[in-house]
Amino acid sequence: MTTYIVRRVLIAIPILFGITVLVFAFVALAPGDPVDAYLRPEMAGNQQLRQLMAHQLGLDEPLPIRYLSWLGQTLQGNLGYSTVSGQPVGTVVWTGLLASCALMLPALLLGVVLGIPLGVVSALRQYSWLDFQLTGIAFLGISTPSFLAGIGGLYIFGLVLGIFPIGGMQTADKPFTIPDFLAHLALPALILGFGYVAIFMRYTRAAMLEVIHAPYISTAESKGLPNRIVVLRHALRNALIPILSVFGVYLPDMVGAAAITETVFTWPGLGLRVVEAANGRDFPVIMGIALIFAIVVLWANLLTDIAYAAADPRIRY
C-alpha cells in the first residue's frame, strides 16, 4: 500500500503540472483584457497608459515566459495579488476555502447520514409504498437544477416566510456570532444537502439490490444471524465500493464546486470567488483557485482508492 501511495503521489506531480499549463493557457487566451480591470472607462482609450499597465503586470511578455514566472513564484508560495481587490491571492483563496468547507461539509454529511440509511431501507422494501415514495423524492432531488432550488428556497423560506436570512454569511450591520452564522448557513446547506441525500440514496439502493440477493447473504441468513448483522456487516459493507466512488467524486465540491448555489446566496466561498474573478478577468485569483481545486481532486481520488482497500479486503494494490 505504501508503494502504491508513493507511486500515485509521484504520478500526480506531472498531472498537476499539466493542469496548470492548460488552465493558464485557457485563461490567457480568453477574450478580454485584464488591463481593463485597472482602468476607469474614460481612461481605457489611453494607449500609452495601457501599455505601461500591461508592462507592470507582465502581460507584454510571451505566454511561456509568463507561465514560467507564475510557476516560479508559486513554488515559492507566492500566488500573487488580485488585480481587482489588491489582496494577496493566498488570502483570497484561504478565506474562500474556509467558507466553502463551512457550507459543503454539513451538506455532504447530511447526504451521507440520511442518504445511505434511506437507500438501504428503500432496497430492503423494494417495490413497496415506502420505496416508491423515497424513489420519487430522490428523483426530485436529482432532477431539480441547483439554481432553481436555490432561488425557490430563497424566495419561500427567506422572503415569504422569513425563516432564514436571504444571503451572506452574517448580518451586515451586526458583529459576527455563531447563532447568526448558523442561521445564514442553514438554508443553503439544506438545499445542497437535499441534492446529496437524493444522490446517495439512489446509489445505495442500487448497490444494495445487487448484494442482498447474493449467495453469501442467503448463507448468512441460514446460519441464523440477526437481520441487523446480515444487513450492516455483510450486505452494506460489500455495497460500499460504488458508494465510496460517489463520495470521492463529490468530495472536491467542498472547495468551490457549488458556484451556482454560492452565487445565489452570495456565500463568499471559492465558487463565488471564481465567478467574480472570471467576470473581472482577475487572472491570479483564477489560477490560484484552479491550483487548489486540482490538488484537492487528486487527493480525493487517492483517498477514495485507499478507502476501497479498507472497505473490501479483497482489494490489494
C-alpha atoms as a PDB file:
ATOM      1  CA  MET A   1       0.000   0.000   0.000  1.00  0.00           C
ATOM      2  CA  THR A   2       2.842   2.392   0.839  1.00  0.00           C
ATOM      3  CA  THR A   3       4.464   1.801  -2.542  1.00  0.00           C
ATOM      4  CA  TYR A   4       1.138   2.405  -4.252  1.00  0.00           C
ATOM      5  CA  ILE A   5       0.593   5.698  -2.401  1.00  0.00           C
ATOM      6  CA  VAL A   6       4.095   6.932  -3.228  1.00  0.00           C
ATOM      7  CA  ARG A   7       3.606   5.981  -6.886  1.00  0.00           C
ATOM      8  CA  ARG A   8       0.269   7.806  -7.036  1.00  0.00           C
ATOM      9  CA  VAL A   9       1.780  10.942  -5.474  1.00  0.00           C
ATOM     10  CA  LEU A  10       4.633  10.905  -7.996  1.00  0.00           C
ATOM     11  CA  ILE A  11       2.175  10.457 -10.869  1.00  0.00           C
ATOM     12  CA  ALA A  12       0.096  13.366  -9.533  1.00  0.00           C
ATOM     13  CA  ILE A  13       3.004  15.804  -9.943  1.00  0.00           C
ATOM     14  CA  PRO A  14       3.092  15.809 -13.781  1.00  0.00           C
ATOM     15  CA  ILE A  15      -0.719  15.698 -13.859  1.00  0.00           C
ATOM     16  CA  LEU A  16      -0.852  18.799 -11.684  1.00  0.00           C
ATOM     17  CA  PHE A  17       1.762  20.456 -13.887  1.00  0.00           C
ATOM     18  CA  GLY A  18      -0.310  19.688 -16.995  1.00  0.00           C
ATOM     19  CA  ILE A  19      -3.469  21.078 -15.392  1.00  0.00           C
ATOM     20  CA  THR A  20      -1.743  24.364 -14.568  1.00  0.00           C
ATOM     21  CA  VAL A  21      -0.437  24.644 -18.143  1.00  0.00           C
ATOM     22  CA  LEU A  22      -3.910  24.112 -19.618  1.00  0.00           C
ATOM     23  CA  VAL A  23      -5.665  26.475 -17.206  1.00  0.00           C
ATOM     24  CA  PHE A  24      -3.014  29.148 -17.672  1.00  0.00           C
ATOM     25  CA  ALA A  25      -3.309  28.924 -21.458  1.00  0.00           C
ATOM     26  CA  PHE A  26      -7.117  28.948 -21.448  1.00  0.00           C
ATOM     27  CA  VAL A  27      -7.292  31.969 -19.141  1.00  0.00           C
ATOM     28  CA  ALA A  28      -4.607  33.881 -21.017  1.00  0.00           C
ATOM     29  CA  LEU A  29      -6.249  33.247 -24.393  1.00  0.00           C
ATOM     30  CA  ALA A  30      -9.783  34.046 -23.209  1.00  0.00           C
ATOM     31  CA  PRO A  31     -11.445  37.160 -24.688  1.00  0.00           C
ATOM     32  CA  GLY A  32     -10.980  40.407 -22.819  1.00  0.00           C
ATOM     33  CA  ASP A  33      -8.054  42.416 -21.494  1.00  0.00           C
ATOM     34  CA  PRO A  34      -7.046  42.250 -17.795  1.00  0.00           C
ATOM     35  CA  VAL A  35      -5.829  45.855 -18.057  1.00  0.00           C
ATOM     36  CA  ASP A  36      -9.476  46.934 -18.249  1.00  0.00           C
ATOM     37  CA  ALA A  37      -9.885  45.859 -14.618  1.00  0.00           C
ATOM     38  CA  TYR A  38      -7.443  48.585 -13.560  1.00  0.00           C
ATOM     39  CA  LEU A  39      -8.514  51.464 -15.767  1.00  0.00           C
ATOM     40  CA  ARG A  40     -11.619  53.566 -15.467  1.00  0.00           C
ATOM     41  CA  PRO A  41     -13.794  53.640 -18.618  1.00  0.00           C
ATOM     42  CA  GLU A  42     -12.751  57.188 -19.509  1.00  0.00           C
ATOM     43  CA  MET A  43      -9.079  56.159 -19.419  1.00  0.00           C
ATOM     44  CA  ALA A  44      -9.471  52.953 -21.450  1.00  0.00           C
ATOM     45  CA  GLY A  45      -8.583  54.733 -24.726  1.00  0.00           C
ATOM     46  CA  ASN A  46      -5.167  55.935 -23.498  1.00  0.00           C
ATOM     47  CA  GLN A  47      -2.838  53.514 -25.303  1.00  0.00           C
ATOM     48  CA  GLN A  48       0.318  54.690 -23.540  1.00  0.00           C
ATOM     49  CA  LEU A  49      -1.257  54.121 -20.166  1.00  0.00           C
ATOM     50  CA  ARG A  50      -2.485  50.708 -21.280  1.00  0.00           C
ATOM     51  CA  GLN A  51       0.995  49.717 -22.457  1.00  0.00           C
ATOM     52  CA  LEU A  52       2.535  50.908 -19.195  1.00  0.00           C
ATOM     53  CA  MET A  53      -0.018  48.955 -17.169  1.00  0.00           C
ATOM     54  CA  ALA A  54       0.492  45.830 -19.293  1.00  0.00           C
ATOM     55  CA  HIS A  55       4.266  46.102 -18.763  1.00  0.00           C
ATOM     56  CA  GLN A  56       3.859  46.437 -14.982  1.00  0.00           C
ATOM     57  CA  LEU A  57       1.620  43.346 -14.942  1.00  0.00           C
ATOM     58  CA  GLY A  58       3.973  41.400 -17.188  1.00  0.00           C
ATOM     59  CA  LEU A  59       1.297  40.987 -19.834  1.00  0.00           C
ATOM     60  CA  ASP A  60       3.623  42.130 -22.622  1.00  0.00           C
ATOM     61  CA  GLU A  61       5.827  39.047 -22.162  1.00  0.00           C
ATOM     62  CA  PRO A  62       5.391  35.884 -24.273  1.00  0.00           C
ATOM     63  CA  LEU A  63       2.960  33.361 -22.830  1.00  0.00           C
ATOM     64  CA  PRO A  64       5.611  30.709 -21.929  1.00  0.00           C
ATOM     65  CA  ILE A  65       7.680  33.329 -20.068  1.00  0.00           C
ATOM     66  CA  ARG A  66       4.596  34.468 -18.161  1.00  0.00           C
ATOM     67  CA  TYR A  67       3.795  30.879 -17.192  1.00  0.00           C
ATOM     68  CA  LEU A  68       7.332  30.118 -16.013  1.00  0.00           C
ATOM     69  CA  SER A  69       7.319  33.318 -13.970  1.00  0.00           C
ATOM     70  CA  TRP A  70       4.000  32.375 -12.358  1.00  0.00           C
ATOM     71  CA  LEU A  71       5.206  28.808 -11.711  1.00  0.00           C
ATOM     72  CA  GLY A  72       8.425  30.015 -10.096  1.00  0.00           C
ATOM     73  CA  GLN A  73       6.550  32.360  -7.765  1.00  0.00           C
ATOM     74  CA  THR A  74       4.006  29.635  -6.947  1.00  0.00           C
ATOM     75  CA  LEU A  75       6.714  27.133  -5.995  1.00  0.00           C
ATOM     76  CA  GLN A  76       7.949  29.752  -3.527  1.00  0.00           C
ATOM     77  CA  GLY A  77       4.468  30.029  -2.015  1.00  0.00           C
ATOM     78  CA  ASN A  78       3.638  33.350  -3.671  1.00  0.00           C
ATOM     79  CA  LEU A  79       0.386  33.203  -5.670  1.00  0.00           C
ATOM     80  CA  GLY A  80       0.465  36.914  -6.478  1.00  0.00           C
ATOM     81  CA  TYR A  81      -2.120  39.610  -5.841  1.00  0.00           C
ATOM     82  CA  SER A  82      -5.681  40.067  -7.002  1.00  0.00           C
ATOM     83  CA  THR A  83      -5.925  42.541  -9.876  1.00  0.00           C
ATOM     84  CA  VAL A  84      -9.338  43.680  -8.627  1.00  0.00           C
ATOM     85  CA  SER A  85      -9.059  43.961  -4.837  1.00  0.00           C
ATOM     86  CA  GLY A  86      -5.278  44.065  -4.459  1.00  0.00           C
ATOM     87  CA  GLN A  87      -5.382  41.375  -1.765  1.00  0.00           C
ATOM     88  CA  PRO A  88      -2.868  38.507  -1.760  1.00  0.00           C
ATOM     89  CA  VAL A  89      -4.284  35.576  -3.712  1.00  0.00           C
ATOM     90  CA  GLY A  90      -3.353  33.253  -0.855  1.00  0.00           C
ATOM     91  CA  THR A  91      -5.613  35.236   1.474  1.00  0.00           C
ATOM     92  CA  VAL A  92      -8.464  35.262  -1.045  1.00  0.00           C
ATOM     93  CA  VAL A  93      -8.167  31.515  -1.628  1.00  0.00           C
ATOM     94  CA  TRP A  94      -7.845  30.660   2.067  1.00  0.00           C
ATOM     95  CA  THR A  95     -10.875  32.686   3.170  1.00  0.00           C
ATOM     96  CA  GLY A  96     -12.906  31.307   0.266  1.00  0.00           C
ATOM     97  CA  LEU A  97     -11.807  27.760   1.067  1.00  0.00           C
ATOM     98  CA  LEU A  98     -12.909  28.084   4.690  1.00  0.00           C
ATOM     99  CA  ALA A  99     -16.283  29.475   3.614  1.00  0.00           C
ATOM    100  CA  SER A 100     -16.798  26.708   1.022  1.00  0.00           C
ATOM    101  CA  CYS A 101     -15.889  23.976   3.513  1.00  0.00           C
ATOM    102  CA  ALA A 102     -18.219  25.515   6.109  1.00  0.00           C
ATOM    103  CA  LEU A 103     -21.049  25.251   3.572  1.00  0.00           C
ATOM    104  CA  MET A 104     -20.255  21.997   1.803  1.00  0.00           C
ATOM    105  CA  LEU A 105     -19.193  19.851   4.765  1.00  0.00           C
ATOM    106  CA  PRO A 106     -22.597  19.977   6.532  1.00  0.00           C
ATOM    107  CA  ALA A 107     -24.358  19.420   3.191  1.00  0.00           C
ATOM    108  CA  LEU A 108     -22.179  16.424   2.358  1.00  0.00           C
ATOM    109  CA  LEU A 109     -22.542  14.966   5.857  1.00  0.00           C
ATOM    110  CA  LEU A 110     -26.309  15.389   5.596  1.00  0.00           C
ATOM    111  CA  GLY A 111     -26.256  13.476   2.324  1.00  0.00           C
ATOM    112  CA  VAL A 112     -24.255  10.618   3.844  1.00  0.00           C
ATOM    113  CA  VAL A 113     -26.115  10.415   7.164  1.00  0.00           C
ATOM    114  CA  LEU A 114     -29.577  10.448   5.583  1.00  0.00           C
ATOM    115  CA  GLY A 115     -28.976   9.205   2.051  1.00  0.00           C
ATOM    116  CA  ILE A 116     -27.223   5.909   2.846  1.00  0.00           C
ATOM    117  CA  PRO A 117     -29.730   4.684   5.505  1.00  0.00           C
ATOM    118  CA  LEU A 118     -32.694   5.694   3.340  1.00  0.00           C
ATOM    119  CA  GLY A 119     -31.121   3.887   0.384  1.00  0.00           C
ATOM    120  CA  VAL A 120     -30.743   0.740   2.481  1.00  0.00           C
ATOM    121  CA  VAL A 121     -34.362   0.941   3.636  1.00  0.00           C
ATOM    122  CA  SER A 122     -35.540   1.522   0.071  1.00  0.00           C
ATOM    123  CA  ALA A 123     -33.657  -1.553  -1.163  1.00  0.00           C
ATOM    124  CA  LEU A 124     -34.921  -3.774   1.644  1.00  0.00           C
ATOM    125  CA  ARG A 125     -38.509  -2.633   0.940  1.00  0.00           C
ATOM    126  CA  GLN A 126     -38.208  -2.909  -2.839  1.00  0.00           C
ATOM    127  CA  TYR A 127     -41.428  -2.095  -4.749  1.00  0.00           C
ATOM    128  CA  SER A 128     -43.247  -1.172  -1.546  1.00  0.00           C
ATOM    129  CA  TRP A 129     -45.160   2.048  -0.968  1.00  0.00           C
ATOM    130  CA  LEU A 130     -42.204   3.386   1.035  1.00  0.00           C
ATOM    131  CA  ASP A 131     -39.789   2.510  -1.779  1.00  0.00           C
ATOM    132  CA  PHE A 132     -41.901   4.390  -4.319  1.00  0.00           C
ATOM    133  CA  GLN A 133     -42.102   7.440  -2.059  1.00  0.00           C
ATOM    134  CA  LEU A 134     -38.355   7.514  -1.427  1.00  0.00           C
ATOM    135  CA  THR A 135     -37.635   6.967  -5.124  1.00  0.00           C
ATOM    136  CA  GLY A 136     -39.885   9.884  -6.034  1.00  0.00           C
ATOM    137  CA  ILE A 137     -38.116  12.132  -3.532  1.00  0.00           C
ATOM    138  CA  ALA A 138     -34.733  11.020  -4.859  1.00  0.00           C
ATOM    139  CA  PHE A 139     -35.688  11.734  -8.462  1.00  0.00           C
ATOM    140  CA  LEU A 140     -36.949  15.159  -7.418  1.00  0.00           C
ATOM    141  CA  GLY A 141     -33.672  15.974  -5.703  1.00  0.00           C
ATOM    142  CA  ILE A 142     -31.540  14.732  -8.599  1.00  0.00           C
ATOM    143  CA  SER A 143     -33.524  16.389 -11.380  1.00  0.00           C
ATOM    144  CA  THR A 144     -34.040  19.806  -9.762  1.00  0.00           C
ATOM    145  CA  PRO A 145     -31.414  22.305 -11.032  1.00  0.00           C
ATOM    146  CA  SER A 146     -29.374  23.839  -8.223  1.00  0.00           C
ATOM    147  CA  PHE A 147     -30.116  27.398  -9.294  1.00  0.00           C
ATOM    148  CA  LEU A 148     -33.858  26.675  -9.316  1.00  0.00           C
ATOM    149  CA  ALA A 149     -33.746  25.037  -5.890  1.00  0.00           C
ATOM    150  CA  GLY A 150     -31.678  27.916  -4.531  1.00  0.00           C
ATOM    151  CA  ILE A 151     -33.920  30.669  -5.896  1.00  0.00           C
ATOM    152  CA  GLY A 152     -37.076  28.805  -4.849  1.00  0.00           C
ATOM    153  CA  GLY A 153     -35.794  28.189  -1.328  1.00  0.00           C
ATOM    154  CA  LEU A 154     -34.599  31.762  -1.058  1.00  0.00           C
ATOM    155  CA  TYR A 155     -37.984  33.117  -2.110  1.00  0.00           C
ATOM    156  CA  ILE A 156     -40.161  30.811   0.003  1.00  0.00           C
ATOM    157  CA  PHE A 157     -38.149  30.461   3.210  1.00  0.00           C
ATOM    158  CA  GLY A 158     -36.278  33.759   3.053  1.00  0.00           C
ATOM    159  CA  LEU A 159     -38.685  36.317   1.600  1.00  0.00           C
ATOM    160  CA  VAL A 160     -42.192  34.894   2.047  1.00  0.00           C
ATOM    161  CA  LEU A 161     -41.872  33.050   5.360  1.00  0.00           C
ATOM    162  CA  GLY A 162     -38.875  34.978   6.691  1.00  0.00           C
ATOM    163  CA  ILE A 163     -37.459  31.894   8.440  1.00  0.00           C
ATOM    164  CA  PHE A 164     -33.898  32.253   7.171  1.00  0.00           C
ATOM    165  CA  PRO A 165     -31.707  35.212   6.137  1.00  0.00           C
ATOM    166  CA  ILE A 166     -31.582  35.789   2.404  1.00  0.00           C
ATOM    167  CA  GLY A 167     -27.834  35.833   1.780  1.00  0.00           C
ATOM    168  CA  GLY A 168     -24.283  36.189   3.008  1.00  0.00           C
ATOM    169  CA  MET A 169     -22.524  34.608   5.978  1.00  0.00           C
ATOM    170  CA  GLN A 170     -23.622  37.141   8.588  1.00  0.00           C
ATOM    171  CA  THR A 171     -25.892  40.118   9.075  1.00  0.00           C
ATOM    172  CA  ALA A 172     -24.198  43.193   7.626  1.00  0.00           C
ATOM    173  CA  ASP A 173     -24.850  45.612  10.498  1.00  0.00           C
ATOM    174  CA  LYS A 174     -24.132  43.146  13.333  1.00  0.00           C
ATOM    175  CA  PRO A 175     -20.932  41.615  14.733  1.00  0.00           C
ATOM    176  CA  PHE A 176     -20.142  38.004  13.916  1.00  0.00           C
ATOM    177  CA  THR A 177     -21.848  35.483  16.187  1.00  0.00           C
ATOM    178  CA  ILE A 178     -22.240  31.714  15.929  1.00  0.00           C
ATOM    179  CA  PRO A 179     -26.095  31.735  16.003  1.00  0.00           C
ATOM    180  CA  ASP A 180     -26.203  34.372  13.259  1.00  0.00           C
ATOM    181  CA  PHE A 181     -23.703  32.389  11.173  1.00  0.00           C
ATOM    182  CA  LEU A 182     -25.695  29.168  11.592  1.00  0.00           C
ATOM    183  CA  ALA A 183     -28.888  30.968  10.593  1.00  0.00           C
ATOM    184  CA  HIS A 184     -27.245  32.100   7.335  1.00  0.00           C
ATOM    185  CA  LEU A 185     -25.722  28.640   6.795  1.00  0.00           C
ATOM    186  CA  ALA A 186     -28.902  26.609   7.314  1.00  0.00           C
ATOM    187  CA  LEU A 187     -30.812  27.298   4.093  1.00  0.00           C
ATOM    188  CA  PRO A 188     -28.007  26.869   1.501  1.00  0.00           C
ATOM    189  CA  ALA A 189     -26.671  23.821   3.367  1.00  0.00           C
ATOM    190  CA  LEU A 190     -30.130  22.215   3.458  1.00  0.00           C
ATOM    191  CA  ILE A 191     -30.699  22.859  -0.241  1.00  0.00           C
ATOM    192  CA  LEU A 192     -27.325  21.382  -1.186  1.00  0.00           C
ATOM    193  CA  GLY A 193     -27.790  18.561   1.314  1.00  0.00           C
ATOM    194  CA  PHE A 194     -31.138  17.613  -0.226  1.00  0.00           C
ATOM    195  CA  GLY A 195     -29.405  17.006  -3.539  1.00  0.00           C
ATOM    196  CA  TYR A 196     -26.712  14.892  -1.867  1.00  0.00           C
ATOM    197  CA  VAL A 197     -29.335  12.869   0.030  1.00  0.00           C
ATOM    198  CA  ALA A 198     -31.030  12.029  -3.270  1.00  0.00           C
ATOM    199  CA  ILE A 199     -27.749  11.024  -4.931  1.00  0.00           C
ATOM    200  CA  PHE A 200     -26.511   8.807  -2.102  1.00  0.00           C
ATOM    201  CA  MET A 201     -29.964   7.272  -1.691  1.00  0.00           C
ATOM    202  CA  ARG A 202     -30.148   6.160  -5.325  1.00  0.00           C
ATOM    203  CA  TYR A 203     -26.611   4.768  -5.443  1.00  0.00           C
ATOM    204  CA  THR A 204     -27.028   2.965  -2.114  1.00  0.00           C
ATOM    205  CA  ARG A 205     -30.329   1.423  -3.218  1.00  0.00           C
ATOM    206  CA  ALA A 206     -28.828   0.172  -6.490  1.00  0.00           C
ATOM    207  CA  ALA A 207     -25.730  -1.223  -4.754  1.00  0.00           C
ATOM    208  CA  MET A 208     -27.762  -2.954  -2.044  1.00  0.00           C
ATOM    209  CA  LEU A 209     -30.086  -4.579  -4.590  1.00  0.00           C
ATOM    210  CA  GLU A 210     -27.059  -6.153  -6.262  1.00  0.00           C
ATOM    211  CA  VAL A 211     -25.829  -7.537  -2.951  1.00  0.00           C
ATOM    212  CA  ILE A 212     -28.849  -8.682  -0.924  1.00  0.00           C
ATOM    213  CA  HIS A 213     -29.667 -11.499  -3.360  1.00  0.00           C
ATOM    214  CA  ALA A 214     -26.108 -12.842  -3.429  1.00  0.00           C
ATOM    215  CA  PRO A 215     -25.482 -16.440  -2.209  1.00  0.00           C
ATOM    216  CA  TYR A 216     -23.365 -15.379   0.748  1.00  0.00           C
ATOM    217  CA  ILE A 217     -26.240 -13.273   2.080  1.00  0.00           C
ATOM    218  CA  SER A 218     -28.534 -16.327   1.932  1.00  0.00           C
ATOM    219  CA  THR A 219     -25.826 -18.328   3.710  1.00  0.00           C
ATOM    220  CA  ALA A 220     -25.552 -15.740   6.471  1.00  0.00           C
ATOM    221  CA  GLU A 221     -29.322 -15.731   6.919  1.00  0.00           C
ATOM    222  CA  SER A 222     -29.445 -19.542   7.016  1.00  0.00           C
ATOM    223  CA  LYS A 223     -26.945 -19.535   9.877  1.00  0.00           C
ATOM    224  CA  GLY A 224     -29.482 -17.643  11.982  1.00  0.00           C
ATOM    225  CA  LEU A 225     -27.590 -14.374  12.154  1.00  0.00           C
ATOM    226  CA  PRO A 226     -29.695 -11.369  13.229  1.00  0.00           C
ATOM    227  CA  ASN A 227     -31.056  -9.348  10.341  1.00  0.00           C
ATOM    228  CA  ARG A 228     -29.168  -6.271  11.540  1.00  0.00           C
ATOM    229  CA  ILE A 229     -25.839  -8.130  11.321  1.00  0.00           C
ATOM    230  CA  VAL A 230     -26.647  -9.506   7.888  1.00  0.00           C
ATOM    231  CA  VAL A 231     -27.570  -6.083   6.517  1.00  0.00           C
ATOM    232  CA  LEU A 232     -24.818  -3.989   8.097  1.00  0.00           C
ATOM    233  CA  ARG A 233     -21.848  -6.336   8.254  1.00  0.00           C
ATOM    234  CA  HIS A 234     -22.383  -8.450   5.149  1.00  0.00           C
ATOM    235  CA  ALA A 235     -24.623  -6.592   2.703  1.00  0.00           C
ATOM    236  CA  LEU A 236     -23.814  -2.914   3.304  1.00  0.00           C
ATOM    237  CA  ARG A 237     -20.070  -3.395   3.578  1.00  0.00           C
ATOM    238  CA  ASN A 238     -19.947  -5.168   0.217  1.00  0.00           C
ATOM    239  CA  ALA A 239     -22.114  -2.431  -1.283  1.00  0.00           C
ATOM    240  CA  LEU A 240     -19.774   0.346  -0.121  1.00  0.00           C
ATOM    241  CA  ILE A 241     -17.492   0.346  -3.184  1.00  0.00           C
ATOM    242  CA  PRO A 242     -19.847   2.264  -5.519  1.00  0.00           C
ATOM    243  CA  ILE A 243     -20.917   4.472  -2.597  1.00  0.00           C
ATOM    244  CA  LEU A 244     -17.284   5.363  -1.891  1.00  0.00           C
ATOM    245  CA  SER A 245     -16.859   6.206  -5.567  1.00  0.00           C
ATOM    246  CA  VAL A 246     -19.728   8.694  -5.335  1.00  0.00           C
ATOM    247  CA  PHE A 247     -18.284  10.188  -2.152  1.00  0.00           C
ATOM    248  CA  GLY A 248     -14.889  10.556  -3.822  1.00  0.00           C
ATOM    249  CA  VAL A 249     -16.469  12.334  -6.774  1.00  0.00           C
ATOM    250  CA  TYR A 250     -18.357  14.848  -4.627  1.00  0.00           C
ATOM    251  CA  LEU A 251     -15.629  15.397  -2.020  1.00  0.00           C
ATOM    252  CA  PRO A 252     -13.932  18.095  -4.166  1.00  0.00           C
ATOM    253  CA  ASP A 253     -17.211  20.018  -4.088  1.00  0.00           C
ATOM    254  CA  MET A 254     -16.092  21.343  -0.718  1.00  0.00           C
ATOM    255  CA  VAL A 255     -13.536  23.604  -2.402  1.00  0.00           C
ATOM    256  CA  GLY A 256     -15.953  25.538  -4.520  1.00  0.00           C
ATOM    257  CA  ALA A 257     -17.833  23.367  -6.987  1.00  0.00           C
ATOM    258  CA  ALA A 258     -21.166  24.779  -5.729  1.00  0.00           C
ATOM    259  CA  ALA A 259     -20.597  28.023  -7.597  1.00  0.00           C
ATOM    260  CA  ILE A 260     -24.260  28.425  -8.546  1.00  0.00           C
ATOM    261  CA  THR A 261     -25.563  27.992  -5.003  1.00  0.00           C
ATOM    262  CA  GLU A 262     -22.880  30.277  -3.575  1.00  0.00           C
ATOM    263  CA  THR A 263     -23.757  32.906  -6.176  1.00  0.00           C
ATOM    264  CA  VAL A 264     -27.487  32.682  -5.416  1.00  0.00           C
ATOM    265  CA  PHE A 265     -26.917  33.055  -1.670  1.00  0.00           C
ATOM    266  CA  THR A 266     -23.892  35.394  -2.033  1.00  0.00           C
ATOM    267  CA  TRP A 267     -21.915  32.931   0.064  1.00  0.00           C
ATOM    268  CA  PRO A 268     -18.255  34.066  -0.132  1.00  0.00           C
ATOM    269  CA  GLY A 269     -16.788  30.666  -0.947  1.00  0.00           C
ATOM    270  CA  LEU A 270     -14.416  29.669  -3.719  1.00  0.00           C
ATOM    271  CA  GLY A 271     -17.325  29.105  -6.089  1.00  0.00           C
ATOM    272  CA  LEU A 272     -18.447  32.718  -5.803  1.00  0.00           C
ATOM    273  CA  ARG A 273     -14.832  33.906  -5.843  1.00  0.00           C
ATOM    274  CA  VAL A 274     -14.062  32.186  -9.130  1.00  0.00           C
ATOM    275  CA  VAL A 275     -17.244  33.571 -10.728  1.00  0.00           C
ATOM    276  CA  GLU A 276     -16.302  37.095  -9.649  1.00  0.00           C
ATOM    277  CA  ALA A 277     -12.711  36.555 -10.794  1.00  0.00           C
ATOM    278  CA  ALA A 278     -13.868  35.357 -14.211  1.00  0.00           C
ATOM    279  CA  ASN A 279     -16.162  38.361 -14.608  1.00  0.00           C
ATOM    280  CA  GLY A 280     -13.362  40.753 -13.627  1.00  0.00           C
ATOM    281  CA  ARG A 281     -10.607  38.954 -15.533  1.00  0.00           C
ATOM    282  CA  ASP A 282      -8.785  38.518 -12.238  1.00  0.00           C
ATOM    283  CA  PHE A 283      -6.134  36.203 -13.637  1.00  0.00           C
ATOM    284  CA  PRO A 284      -4.099  35.495 -10.446  1.00  0.00           C
ATOM    285  CA  VAL A 285      -7.197  34.560  -8.439  1.00  0.00           C
ATOM    286  CA  ILE A 286      -8.437  32.224 -11.189  1.00  0.00           C
ATOM    287  CA  MET A 287      -5.068  30.453 -11.294  1.00  0.00           C
ATOM    288  CA  GLY A 288      -4.869  30.193  -7.504  1.00  0.00           C
ATOM    289  CA  ILE A 289      -8.328  28.649  -7.209  1.00  0.00           C
ATOM    290  CA  ALA A 290      -7.680  26.299 -10.141  1.00  0.00           C
ATOM    291  CA  LEU A 291      -4.457  25.119  -8.486  1.00  0.00           C
ATOM    292  CA  ILE A 292      -6.165  24.416  -5.155  1.00  0.00           C
ATOM    293  CA  PHE A 293      -9.058  22.642  -6.848  1.00  0.00           C
ATOM    294  CA  ALA A 294      -6.698  20.428  -8.881  1.00  0.00           C
ATOM    295  CA  ILE A 295      -4.778  19.431  -5.740  1.00  0.00           C
ATOM    296  CA  VAL A 296      -7.978  18.573  -3.884  1.00  0.00           C
ATOM    297  CA  VAL A 297      -9.309  16.462  -6.783  1.00  0.00           C
ATOM    298  CA  LEU A 298      -6.078  14.472  -6.988  1.00  0.00           C
ATOM    299  CA  TRP A 299      -6.009  13.866  -3.232  1.00  0.00           C
ATOM    300  CA  ALA A 300      -9.709  12.930  -3.195  1.00  0.00           C
ATOM    301  CA  ASN A 301      -9.074  10.260  -5.822  1.00  0.00           C
ATOM    302  CA  LEU A 302      -6.158   8.888  -3.809  1.00  0.00           C
ATOM    303  CA  LEU A 303      -8.171   8.800  -0.576  1.00  0.00           C
ATOM    304  CA  THR A 304     -11.017   7.037  -2.394  1.00  0.00           C
ATOM    305  CA  ASP A 305      -8.678   4.305  -3.612  1.00  0.00           C
ATOM    306  CA  ILE A 306      -7.328   3.841  -0.097  1.00  0.00           C
ATOM    307  CA  ALA A 307     -10.883   3.617   1.242  1.00  0.00           C
ATOM    308  CA  TYR A 308     -11.601   0.854  -1.283  1.00  0.00           C
ATOM    309  CA  ALA A 309      -8.958  -1.351   0.314  1.00  0.00           C
ATOM    310  CA  ALA A 310     -10.218  -0.565   3.824  1.00  0.00           C
ATOM    311  CA  ALA A 311     -13.823  -1.439   2.899  1.00  0.00           C
ATOM    312  CA  ASP A 312     -13.094  -4.552   0.854  1.00  0.00           C
ATOM    313  CA  PRO A 313     -10.200  -6.826   1.983  1.00  0.00           C
ATOM    314  CA  ARG A 314     -10.172  -8.436  -1.471  1.00  0.00           C
ATOM    315  CA  ILE A 315      -8.766  -5.232  -2.991  1.00  0.00           C
ATOM    316  CA  ARG A 316      -4.989  -5.086  -2.904  1.00  0.00           C
ATOM    317  CA  TYR A 317      -2.632  -2.656  -4.603  1.00  0.00           C
END
